[in-house]
PDB file of N, CA and C in Angstrom:
ATOM      1  N   MET A   1     -22.161  51.545  70.326  1.00  0.00           N
ATOM      2  CA  MET A   1     -22.621  52.140  68.970  1.00  0.00           C
ATOM      3  C   MET A   1     -22.138  51.717  68.538  1.00  0.00           C
ATOM      4  N   VAL A   2     -22.983  50.659  67.578  1.00  0.00           N
ATOM      5  CA  VAL A   2     -22.313  49.085  66.770  1.00  0.00           C
ATOM      6  C   VAL A   2     -22.592  50.562  65.487  1.00  0.00           C
ATOM      7  N   THR A   3     -21.614  50.265  64.296  1.00  0.00           N
ATOM      8  CA  THR A   3     -21.053  50.952  63.790  1.00  0.00           C
ATOM      9  C   THR A   3     -20.488  49.484  62.421  1.00  0.00           C
ATOM     10  N   ARG A   4     -20.978  50.539  60.669  1.00  0.00           N
ATOM     11  CA  ARG A   4     -20.217  49.687  60.154  1.00  0.00           C
ATOM     12  C   ARG A   4     -19.407  48.362  59.857  1.00  0.00           C
ATOM     13  N   SER A   5     -18.345  49.381  60.765  1.00  0.00           N
ATOM     14  CA  SER A   5     -16.800  48.546  60.742  1.00  0.00           C
ATOM     15  C   SER A   5     -17.574  47.200  62.266  1.00  0.00           C
ATOM     16  N   ASN A   6     -17.730  47.642  62.954  1.00  0.00           N
ATOM     17  CA  ASN A   6     -18.566  46.061  64.358  1.00  0.00           C
ATOM     18  C   ASN A   6     -19.281  45.568  63.112  1.00  0.00           C
ATOM     19  N   ILE A   7     -19.908  45.716  62.270  1.00  0.00           N
ATOM     20  CA  ILE A   7     -21.193  44.206  61.899  1.00  0.00           C
ATOM     21  C   ILE A   7     -20.083  43.209  60.781  1.00  0.00           C
ATOM     22  N   TYR A   8     -18.951  44.805  60.040  1.00  0.00           N
ATOM     23  CA  TYR A   8     -18.489  43.561  59.328  1.00  0.00           C
ATOM     24  C   TYR A   8     -17.486  42.739  60.567  1.00  0.00           C
ATOM     25  N   THR A   9     -16.921  43.061  60.984  1.00  0.00           N
ATOM     26  CA  THR A   9     -15.784  41.874  61.384  1.00  0.00           C
ATOM     27  C   THR A   9     -16.675  41.136  62.069  1.00  0.00           C
ATOM     28  N   LEU A  10     -18.556  40.943  62.846  1.00  0.00           N
ATOM     29  CA  LEU A  10     -19.294  40.316  63.329  1.00  0.00           C
ATOM     30  C   LEU A  10     -19.441  38.888  62.035  1.00  0.00           C
ATOM     31  N   ILE A  11     -20.045  40.018  60.477  1.00  0.00           N
ATOM     32  CA  ILE A  11     -19.801  38.562  59.627  1.00  0.00           C
ATOM     33  C   ILE A  11     -18.285  37.882  59.229  1.00  0.00           C
ATOM     34  N   ASP A  12     -18.149  38.172  59.398  1.00  0.00           N
ATOM     35  CA  ASP A  12     -16.465  37.710  59.059  1.00  0.00           C
ATOM     36  C   ASP A  12     -16.119  37.373  60.400  1.00  0.00           C
ATOM     37  N   ILE A  13     -16.179  37.631  61.489  1.00  0.00           N
ATOM     38  CA  ILE A  13     -15.522  36.298  62.673  1.00  0.00           C
ATOM     39  C   ILE A  13     -17.783  34.951  62.267  1.00  0.00           C
ATOM     40  N   GLU A  14     -18.120  35.767  61.244  1.00  0.00           N
ATOM     41  CA  GLU A  14     -19.252  34.280  61.090  1.00  0.00           C
ATOM     42  C   GLU A  14     -18.752  33.786  60.068  1.00  0.00           C
ATOM     43  N   ARG A  15     -18.115  34.064  59.341  1.00  0.00           N
ATOM     44  CA  ARG A  15     -17.915  33.947  57.594  1.00  0.00           C
ATOM     45  C   ARG A  15     -16.744  33.077  58.246  1.00  0.00           C
ATOM     46  N   GLN A  16     -16.727  32.624  59.454  1.00  0.00           N
ATOM     47  CA  GLN A  16     -15.059  31.917  59.662  1.00  0.00           C
ATOM     48  C   GLN A  16     -15.178  30.529  60.417  1.00  0.00           C
ATOM     49  N   ARG A  17     -16.912  31.359  61.043  1.00  0.00           N
ATOM     50  CA  ARG A  17     -17.277  29.786  61.077  1.00  0.00           C
ATOM     51  C   ARG A  17     -17.689  29.183  60.902  1.00  0.00           C
ATOM     52  N   GLN A  18     -18.607  29.842  60.143  1.00  0.00           N
ATOM     53  CA  GLN A  18     -19.166  28.466  58.017  1.00  0.00           C
ATOM     54  C   GLN A  18     -17.556  27.901  57.983  1.00  0.00           C
ATOM     55  N   ASP A  19     -17.028  28.421  57.737  1.00  0.00           N
ATOM     56  CA  ASP A  19     -16.011  27.961  57.094  1.00  0.00           C
ATOM     57  C   ASP A  19     -15.223  26.525  57.760  1.00  0.00           C
ATOM     58  N   GLU A  20     -15.612  26.653  59.366  1.00  0.00           N
ATOM     59  CA  GLU A  20     -15.065  25.588  60.355  1.00  0.00           C
ATOM     60  C   GLU A  20     -15.754  24.468  60.288  1.00  0.00           C
ATOM     61  N   LYS A  21     -17.299  25.468  60.252  1.00  0.00           N
ATOM     62  CA  LYS A  21     -17.875  23.993  60.217  1.00  0.00           C
ATOM     63  C   LYS A  21     -18.231  22.849  59.239  1.00  0.00           C
ATOM     64  N   TRP A  22     -17.776  23.266  57.725  1.00  0.00           N
ATOM     65  CA  TRP A  22     -19.333  23.729  56.583  1.00  0.00           C
ATOM     66  C   TRP A  22     -17.310  23.020  56.060  1.00  0.00           C
ATOM     67  N   GLY A  23     -16.728  23.904  56.245  1.00  0.00           N
ATOM     68  CA  GLY A  23     -14.869  23.722  55.236  1.00  0.00           C
ATOM     69  C   GLY A  23     -15.321  24.000  54.105  1.00  0.00           C
ATOM     70  N   SER A  24     -14.676  24.776  52.454  1.00  0.00           N
ATOM     71  CA  SER A  24     -14.701  25.479  51.943  1.00  0.00           C
ATOM     72  C   SER A  24     -16.401  25.433  50.428  1.00  0.00           C
ATOM     73  N   GLN A  25     -16.278  26.477  50.513  1.00  0.00           N
ATOM     74  CA  GLN A  25     -17.487  26.139  49.393  1.00  0.00           C
ATOM     75  C   GLN A  25     -17.116  26.924  48.631  1.00  0.00           C
ATOM     76  N   ARG A  26     -17.044  26.365  47.539  1.00  0.00           N
ATOM     77  CA  ARG A  26     -16.749  27.772  46.235  1.00  0.00           C
ATOM     78  C   ARG A  26     -17.686  26.546  45.390  1.00  0.00           C
ATOM     79  N   ASP A  27     -18.081  25.338  45.382  1.00  0.00           N
ATOM     80  CA  ASP A  27     -18.909  24.410  44.036  1.00  0.00           C
ATOM     81  C   ASP A  27     -19.701  24.562  43.605  1.00  0.00           C
ATOM     82  N   HIS A  28     -20.725  25.421  44.563  1.00  0.00           N
ATOM     83  CA  HIS A  28     -21.911  25.321  44.324  1.00  0.00           C
ATOM     84  C   HIS A  28     -23.587  25.896  43.270  1.00  0.00           C
ATOM     85  N   GLU A  29     -23.859  25.165  42.729  1.00  0.00           N
ATOM     86  CA  GLU A  29     -24.331  26.379  41.691  1.00  0.00           C
ATOM     87  C   GLU A  29     -25.889  27.389  42.398  1.00  0.00           C
ATOM     88  N   PRO A  30     -26.434  28.285  41.706  1.00  0.00           N
ATOM     89  CA  PRO A  30     -26.627  29.989  42.491  1.00  0.00           C
ATOM     90  C   PRO A  30     -27.442  29.093  42.632  1.00  0.00           C
ATOM     91  N   LEU A  31     -28.871  27.921  42.031  1.00  0.00           N
ATOM     92  CA  LEU A  31     -29.654  28.163  42.724  1.00  0.00           C
ATOM     93  C   LEU A  31     -29.394  27.143  44.007  1.00  0.00           C
ATOM     94  N   PHE A  32     -28.451  26.400  44.090  1.00  0.00           N
ATOM     95  CA  PHE A  32     -27.960  26.197  46.098  1.00  0.00           C
ATOM     96  C   PHE A  32     -28.285  27.283  46.515  1.00  0.00           C
ATOM     97  N   TRP A  33     -27.609  28.957  46.196  1.00  0.00           N
ATOM     98  CA  TRP A  33     -26.905  28.860  47.046  1.00  0.00           C
ATOM     99  C   TRP A  33     -28.608  30.160  47.851  1.00  0.00           C
ATOM    100  N   TYR A  34     -28.943  29.952  46.614  1.00  0.00           N
ATOM    101  CA  TYR A  34     -29.858  31.418  47.137  1.00  0.00           C
ATOM    102  C   TYR A  34     -31.404  30.561  47.196  1.00  0.00           C
ATOM    103  N   ALA A  35     -31.456  28.777  48.206  1.00  0.00           N
ATOM    104  CA  ALA A  35     -31.466  27.919  48.901  1.00  0.00           C
ATOM    105  C   ALA A  35     -31.016  27.765  50.400  1.00  0.00           C
ATOM    106  N   ILE A  36     -29.764  27.849  50.070  1.00  0.00           N
ATOM    107  CA  ILE A  36     -29.737  28.660  51.863  1.00  0.00           C
ATOM    108  C   ILE A  36     -29.267  29.575  52.190  1.00  0.00           C
ATOM    109  N   LEU A  37     -29.473  30.841  50.774  1.00  0.00           N
ATOM    110  CA  LEU A  37     -29.353  32.346  51.445  1.00  0.00           C
ATOM    111  C   LEU A  37     -31.029  32.593  51.554  1.00  0.00           C
ATOM    112  N   ALA A  38     -31.746  31.441  51.163  1.00  0.00           N
ATOM    113  CA  ALA A  38     -33.436  31.316  52.167  1.00  0.00           C
ATOM    114  C   ALA A  38     -33.596  30.798  53.666  1.00  0.00           C
ATOM    115  N   GLU A  39     -33.192  29.567  53.346  1.00  0.00           N
ATOM    116  CA  GLU A  39     -33.792  29.060  54.570  1.00  0.00           C
ATOM    117  C   GLU A  39     -32.848  30.099  56.228  1.00  0.00           C
ATOM    118  N   GLU A  40     -31.680  30.680  55.314  1.00  0.00           N
ATOM    119  CA  GLU A  40     -31.441  31.418  57.100  1.00  0.00           C
ATOM    120  C   GLU A  40     -32.634  32.728  56.591  1.00  0.00           C
ATOM    121  N   PHE A  41     -32.524  33.824  55.877  1.00  0.00           N
ATOM    122  CA  PHE A  41     -34.065  34.367  55.985  1.00  0.00           C
ATOM    123  C   PHE A  41     -34.290  33.593  56.716  1.00  0.00           C
ATOM    124  N   GLY A  42     -35.594  32.193  56.508  1.00  0.00           N
ATOM    125  CA  GLY A  42     -35.587  32.692  57.107  1.00  0.00           C
ATOM    126  C   GLY A  42     -35.357  31.794  58.320  1.00  0.00           C
ATOM    127  N   GLU A  43     -34.841  31.702  58.842  1.00  0.00           N
ATOM    128  CA  GLU A  43     -33.813  31.840  61.178  1.00  0.00           C
ATOM    129  C   GLU A  43     -34.848  33.337  61.086  1.00  0.00           C
ATOM    130  N   VAL A  44     -34.828  33.934  60.819  1.00  0.00           N
ATOM    131  CA  VAL A  44     -34.963  35.468  60.898  1.00  0.00           C
ATOM    132  C   VAL A  44     -35.918  35.676  61.726  1.00  0.00           C
ATOM    133  N   ALA A  45     -36.973  35.367  60.571  1.00  0.00           N
ATOM    134  CA  ALA A  45     -38.125  35.589  60.645  1.00  0.00           C
ATOM    135  C   ALA A  45     -38.828  34.863  61.781  1.00  0.00           C
ATOM    136  N   ASN A  46     -37.654  32.838  62.049  1.00  0.00           N
ATOM    137  CA  ASN A  46     -38.656  32.565  63.070  1.00  0.00           C
ATOM    138  C   ASN A  46     -37.745  33.147  64.608  1.00  0.00           C
ATOM    139  N   ALA A  47     -36.712  33.957  64.083  1.00  0.00           N
ATOM    140  CA  ALA A  47     -36.398  34.467  65.568  1.00  0.00           C
ATOM    141  C   ALA A  47     -37.295  35.224  66.511  1.00  0.00           C
ATOM    142  N   ILE A  48     -37.869  36.205  65.009  1.00  0.00           N
ATOM    143  CA  ILE A  48     -38.625  36.982  65.017  1.00  0.00           C
ATOM    144  C   ILE A  48     -40.139  37.398  65.919  1.00  0.00           C
ATOM    145  N   LEU A  49     -40.385  36.177  64.909  1.00  0.00           N
ATOM    146  CA  LEU A  49     -41.874  35.448  65.383  1.00  0.00           C
ATOM    147  C   LEU A  49     -41.947  34.881  67.051  1.00  0.00           C
ATOM    148  N   GLU A  50     -40.803  34.498  66.879  1.00  0.00           N
ATOM    149  CA  GLU A  50     -40.941  33.540  68.621  1.00  0.00           C
ATOM    150  C   GLU A  50     -40.245  34.486  69.861  1.00  0.00           C
ATOM    151  N   GLN A  51     -39.634  36.131  69.444  1.00  0.00           N
ATOM    152  CA  GLN A  51     -39.654  36.928  70.326  1.00  0.00           C
ATOM    153  C   GLN A  51     -38.524  36.927  70.725  1.00  0.00           C
ATOM    154  N   LYS A  52     -38.056  35.436  69.916  1.00  0.00           N
ATOM    155  CA  LYS A  52     -36.027  35.684  70.452  1.00  0.00           C
ATOM    156  C   LYS A  52     -35.490  37.529  71.469  1.00  0.00           C
ATOM    157  N   SER A  53     -34.274  37.017  71.674  1.00  0.00           N
ATOM    158  CA  SER A  53     -33.939  38.694  72.245  1.00  0.00           C
ATOM    159  C   SER A  53     -32.741  38.856  70.848  1.00  0.00           C
ATOM    160  N   PRO A  54     -32.968  39.966  71.241  1.00  0.00           N
ATOM    161  CA  PRO A  54     -32.574  41.294  70.448  1.00  0.00           C
ATOM    162  C   PRO A  54     -31.531  40.089  69.340  1.00  0.00           C
ATOM    163  N   VAL A  55     -30.217  40.404  70.647  1.00  0.00           N
ATOM    164  CA  VAL A  55     -29.150  39.482  70.030  1.00  0.00           C
ATOM    165  C   VAL A  55     -28.553  38.676  69.460  1.00  0.00           C
ATOM    166  N   GLU A  56     -29.972  37.682  69.706  1.00  0.00           N
ATOM    167  CA  GLU A  56     -30.425  35.846  69.185  1.00  0.00           C
ATOM    168  C   GLU A  56     -31.078  36.260  67.062  1.00  0.00           C
ATOM    169  N   VAL A  57     -31.674  37.669  67.328  1.00  0.00           N
ATOM    170  CA  VAL A  57     -31.948  37.861  66.011  1.00  0.00           C
ATOM    171  C   VAL A  57     -30.978  38.586  65.459  1.00  0.00           C
ATOM    172  N   LEU A  58     -29.911  39.444  65.913  1.00  0.00           N
ATOM    173  CA  LEU A  58     -28.680  39.234  65.425  1.00  0.00           C
ATOM    174  C   LEU A  58     -27.732  38.466  64.579  1.00  0.00           C
ATOM    175  N   SER A  59     -28.083  37.396  65.765  1.00  0.00           N
ATOM    176  CA  SER A  59     -26.976  36.496  65.142  1.00  0.00           C
ATOM    177  C   SER A  59     -27.579  35.729  64.007  1.00  0.00           C
ATOM    178  N   GLU A  60     -28.682  35.869  64.033  1.00  0.00           N
ATOM    179  CA  GLU A  60     -29.036  35.271  62.939  1.00  0.00           C
ATOM    180  C   GLU A  60     -28.640  36.072  61.308  1.00  0.00           C
ATOM    181  N   ILE A  61     -28.855  37.773  61.676  1.00  0.00           N
ATOM    182  CA  ILE A  61     -29.309  38.247  60.328  1.00  0.00           C
ATOM    183  C   ILE A  61     -27.894  38.062  60.083  1.00  0.00           C
ATOM    184  N   LEU A  62     -26.770  37.773  61.085  1.00  0.00           N
ATOM    185  CA  LEU A  62     -25.697  38.118  60.575  1.00  0.00           C
ATOM    186  C   LEU A  62     -24.736  36.309  60.000  1.00  0.00           C
ATOM    187  N   GLN A  63     -25.789  35.659  60.504  1.00  0.00           N
ATOM    188  CA  GLN A  63     -25.066  33.925  58.838  1.00  0.00           C
ATOM    189  C   GLN A  63     -26.058  34.290  58.333  1.00  0.00           C
ATOM    190  N   VAL A  64     -27.657  34.719  57.956  1.00  0.00           N
ATOM    191  CA  VAL A  64     -27.794  35.960  56.411  1.00  0.00           C
ATOM    192  C   VAL A  64     -26.594  36.597  55.632  1.00  0.00           C
ATOM    193  N   ALA A  65     -25.664  37.780  56.736  1.00  0.00           N
ATOM    194  CA  ALA A  65     -24.874  38.545  55.725  1.00  0.00           C
ATOM    195  C   ALA A  65     -24.312  37.526  55.356  1.00  0.00           C
ATOM    196  N   ALA A  66     -23.373  36.448  56.269  1.00  0.00           N
ATOM    197  CA  ALA A  66     -22.511  36.095  56.127  1.00  0.00           C
ATOM    198  C   ALA A  66     -22.439  34.265  54.807  1.00  0.00           C
ATOM    199  N   VAL A  67     -23.118  33.926  55.053  1.00  0.00           N
ATOM    200  CA  VAL A  67     -23.982  32.922  53.980  1.00  0.00           C
ATOM    201  C   VAL A  67     -23.810  34.571  52.272  1.00  0.00           C
ATOM    202  N   ALA A  68     -24.362  35.404  52.625  1.00  0.00           N
ATOM    203  CA  ALA A  68     -24.061  36.229  51.492  1.00  0.00           C
ATOM    204  C   ALA A  68     -23.253  36.079  50.734  1.00  0.00           C
ATOM    205  N   VAL A  69     -22.522  37.197  51.597  1.00  0.00           N
ATOM    206  CA  VAL A  69     -20.769  36.437  51.784  1.00  0.00           C
ATOM    207  C   VAL A  69     -20.221  36.389  50.914  1.00  0.00           C
ATOM    208  N   CYS A  70     -20.903  34.811  51.569  1.00  0.00           N
ATOM    209  CA  CYS A  70     -19.857  33.511  50.766  1.00  0.00           C
ATOM    210  C   CYS A  70     -20.289  33.150  49.554  1.00  0.00           C
ATOM    211  N   TRP A  71     -20.780  33.711  49.336  1.00  0.00           N
ATOM    212  CA  TRP A  71     -21.968  32.753  47.688  1.00  0.00           C
ATOM    213  C   TRP A  71     -21.620  34.103  46.838  1.00  0.00           C
ATOM    214  N   ALA A  72     -21.334  35.057  47.518  1.00  0.00           N
ATOM    215  CA  ALA A  72     -20.042  36.505  46.699  1.00  0.00           C
ATOM    216  C   ALA A  72     -18.874  35.873  46.544  1.00  0.00           C
ATOM    217  N   GLU A  73     -17.931  35.093  47.169  1.00  0.00           N
ATOM    218  CA  GLU A  73     -17.572  34.921  47.553  1.00  0.00           C
ATOM    219  C   GLU A  73     -16.567  33.816  46.214  1.00  0.00           C
ATOM    220  N   GLN A  74     -18.456  33.075  46.117  1.00  0.00           N
ATOM    221  CA  GLN A  74     -17.619  32.243  45.177  1.00  0.00           C
ATOM    222  C   GLN A  74     -16.830  32.669  43.721  1.00  0.00           C
ATOM    223  N   GLY A  75     -17.202  34.132  43.482  1.00  0.00           N
ATOM    224  CA  GLY A  75     -17.059  34.846  42.530  1.00  0.00           C
ATOM    225  C   GLY A  75     -18.326  34.116  41.002  1.00  0.00           C
ATOM    226  N   PHE A  76     -18.296  34.689  40.698  1.00  0.00           N
ATOM    227  CA  PHE A  76     -18.965  34.420  38.681  1.00  0.00           C
ATOM    228  C   PHE A  76     -18.282  33.817  37.521  1.00  0.00           C
ATOM    229  N   PRO A  77     -17.694  32.205  37.804  1.00  0.00           N
ATOM    230  CA  PRO A  77     -17.068  31.870  36.880  1.00  0.00           C
ATOM    231  C   PRO A  77     -17.842  31.339  35.636  1.00  0.00           C
ATOM    232  N   ASP A  78     -18.591  32.402  34.904  1.00  0.00           N
ATOM    233  CA  ASP A  78     -19.447  32.539  33.846  1.00  0.00           C
ATOM    234  C   ASP A  78     -18.410  33.684  32.642  1.00  0.00           C
ATOM    235  N   GLU A  79     -17.948  34.065  33.806  1.00  0.00           N
ATOM    236  CA  GLU A  79     -17.567  36.042  33.601  1.00  0.00           C
ATOM    237  C   GLU A  79     -16.044  36.059  33.847  1.00  0.00           C
ATOM    238  N   PRO A  80     -15.323  36.204  33.017  1.00  0.00           N
ATOM    239  CA  PRO A  80     -13.742  35.935  33.487  1.00  0.00           C
ATOM    240  C   PRO A  80     -13.539  37.444  34.166  1.00  0.00           C
ATOM    241  N   GLY A  81     -13.018  37.324  35.250  1.00  0.00           N
ATOM    242  CA  GLY A  81     -12.436  38.605  35.875  1.00  0.00           C
ATOM    243  C   GLY A  81     -13.863  39.177  36.952  1.00  0.00           C
ATOM    244  N   GLY A  82     -14.500  38.595  36.433  1.00  0.00           N
ATOM    245  CA  GLY A  82     -15.770  38.304  37.790  1.00  0.00           C
ATOM    246  C   GLY A  82     -16.572  39.321  37.469  1.00  0.00           C
ATOM    247  N   PRO A  83     -17.518  39.624  37.301  1.00  0.00           N
ATOM    248  CA  PRO A  83     -18.753  40.491  37.317  1.00  0.00           C
ATOM    249  C   PRO A  83     -18.458  42.033  36.822  1.00  0.00           C
ATOM    250  N   VAL A  84     -18.870  42.494  36.178  1.00  0.00           N
ATOM    251  CA  VAL A  84     -18.778  44.011  35.032  1.00  0.00           C
ATOM    252  C   VAL A  84     -18.739  44.835  35.924  1.00  0.00           C
ATOM    253  N   TRP A  85     -19.363  44.884  37.224  1.00  0.00           N
ATOM    254  CA  TRP A  85     -19.824  46.159  37.835  1.00  0.00           C
ATOM    255  C   TRP A  85     -18.393  45.874  38.609  1.00  0.00           C
ATOM    256  N   MET A  86     -17.289  44.742  39.360  1.00  0.00           N
ATOM    257  CA  MET A  86     -16.567  44.042  39.855  1.00  0.00           C
ATOM    258  C   MET A  86     -15.386  44.871  39.475  1.00  0.00           C
ATOM    259  N   THR A  87     -15.181  45.876  37.785  1.00  0.00           N
ATOM    260  CA  THR A  87     -13.815  45.940  37.151  1.00  0.00           C
ATOM    261  C   THR A  87     -13.984  47.529  37.493  1.00  0.00           C
ATOM    262  N   ASN A  88     -14.931  48.383  38.663  1.00  0.00           N
ATOM    263  CA  ASN A  88     -14.954  48.884  38.456  1.00  0.00           C
ATOM    264  C   ASN A  88     -16.209  49.335  39.973  1.00  0.00           C
ATOM    265  N   PRO A  89     -15.461  49.129  40.866  1.00  0.00           N
ATOM    266  CA  PRO A  89     -16.146  49.162  42.100  1.00  0.00           C
ATOM    267  C   PRO A  89     -17.168  50.049  42.427  1.00  0.00           C
ATOM    268  N   ALA A  90     -17.515  51.848  41.056  1.00  0.00           N
ATOM    269  CA  ALA A  90     -17.387  53.628  41.832  1.00  0.00           C
ATOM    270  C   ALA A  90     -18.808  53.521  41.022  1.00  0.00           C
ATOM    271  N   ASN A  91     -19.138  51.862  40.119  1.00  0.00           N
ATOM    272  CA  ASN A  91     -20.075  51.145  39.044  1.00  0.00           C
ATOM    273  C   ASN A  91     -20.734  51.010  39.751  1.00  0.00           C
ATOM    274  N   ALA A  92     -20.941  50.050  41.251  1.00  0.00           N
ATOM    275  CA  ALA A  92     -21.421  48.834  42.093  1.00  0.00           C
ATOM    276  C   ALA A  92     -22.303  50.703  42.194  1.00  0.00           C
ATOM    277  N   ALA A  93     -21.808  51.224  42.689  1.00  0.00           N
ATOM    278  CA  ALA A  93     -22.932  52.535  43.114  1.00  0.00           C
ATOM    279  C   ALA A  93     -23.554  53.206  42.698  1.00  0.00           C
ATOM    280  N   GLU A  94     -23.349  53.632  41.224  1.00  0.00           N
ATOM    281  CA  GLU A  94     -24.004  53.709  40.322  1.00  0.00           C
ATOM    282  C   GLU A  94     -25.395  53.052  39.654  1.00  0.00           C
ATOM    283  N   GLY A  95     -25.408  51.401  40.414  1.00  0.00           N
ATOM    284  CA  GLY A  95     -25.851  50.297  39.456  1.00  0.00           C
ATOM    285  C   GLY A  95     -25.301  50.352  37.883  1.00  0.00           C
ATOM    286  N   LYS A  96     -24.646  50.429  37.562  1.00  0.00           N
ATOM    287  CA  LYS A  96     -24.144  50.306  35.997  1.00  0.00           C
ATOM    288  C   LYS A  96     -22.858  48.852  35.503  1.00  0.00           C
ATOM    289  N   GLY A  97     -22.857  48.541  35.127  1.00  0.00           N
ATOM    290  CA  GLY A  97     -22.785  47.067  34.202  1.00  0.00           C
ATOM    291  C   GLY A  97     -23.824  45.996  35.272  1.00  0.00           C
ATOM    292  N   GLN A  98     -24.924  46.033  36.095  1.00  0.00           N
ATOM    293  CA  GLN A  98     -25.107  44.857  35.923  1.00  0.00           C
ATOM    294  C   GLN A  98     -26.551  44.770  35.636  1.00  0.00           C
ATOM    295  N   ARG A  99     -26.583  43.115  35.743  1.00  0.00           N
ATOM    296  CA  ARG A  99     -27.713  42.708  34.471  1.00  0.00           C
ATOM    297  C   ARG A  99     -29.148  42.568  35.389  1.00  0.00           C
ATOM    298  N   GLY A 100     -29.889  42.709  35.046  1.00  0.00           N
ATOM    299  CA  GLY A 100     -31.393  42.749  35.460  1.00  0.00           C
ATOM    300  C   GLY A 100     -32.609  42.213  34.356  1.00  0.00           C
TER     301      GLY A 100
END
C-alpha cells in the first residue's frame, strides 16, 4: 500500500537527485520557477498520452512535486521570516494569511 509517508520519502529522494544534477537552485525568479514546474507537468501529460507504465507516470509526478518543493525551499525573500501563513502552520490548513 502506498502511504503519504512513502510518497514524501520518494519526493525527498527526487529532491536529492535534482540537487546532485543541478546543484543548489536558490536564486530563480518566480516566473522561471513557474516555467520549470510547467515543463515538468507537461512531462506528466506526455507520459499519460504516450501510455507509459504507471511507474513511469509516478516518476514524472514525483519530479513535479520535487520541483515544487525546491521552489518552496527557496523561500520568499520579499517577506522577512517567510510567508504569513508559515508563522502559524494551522493558518495554512485554514487558508488564512494567504494572498490571493
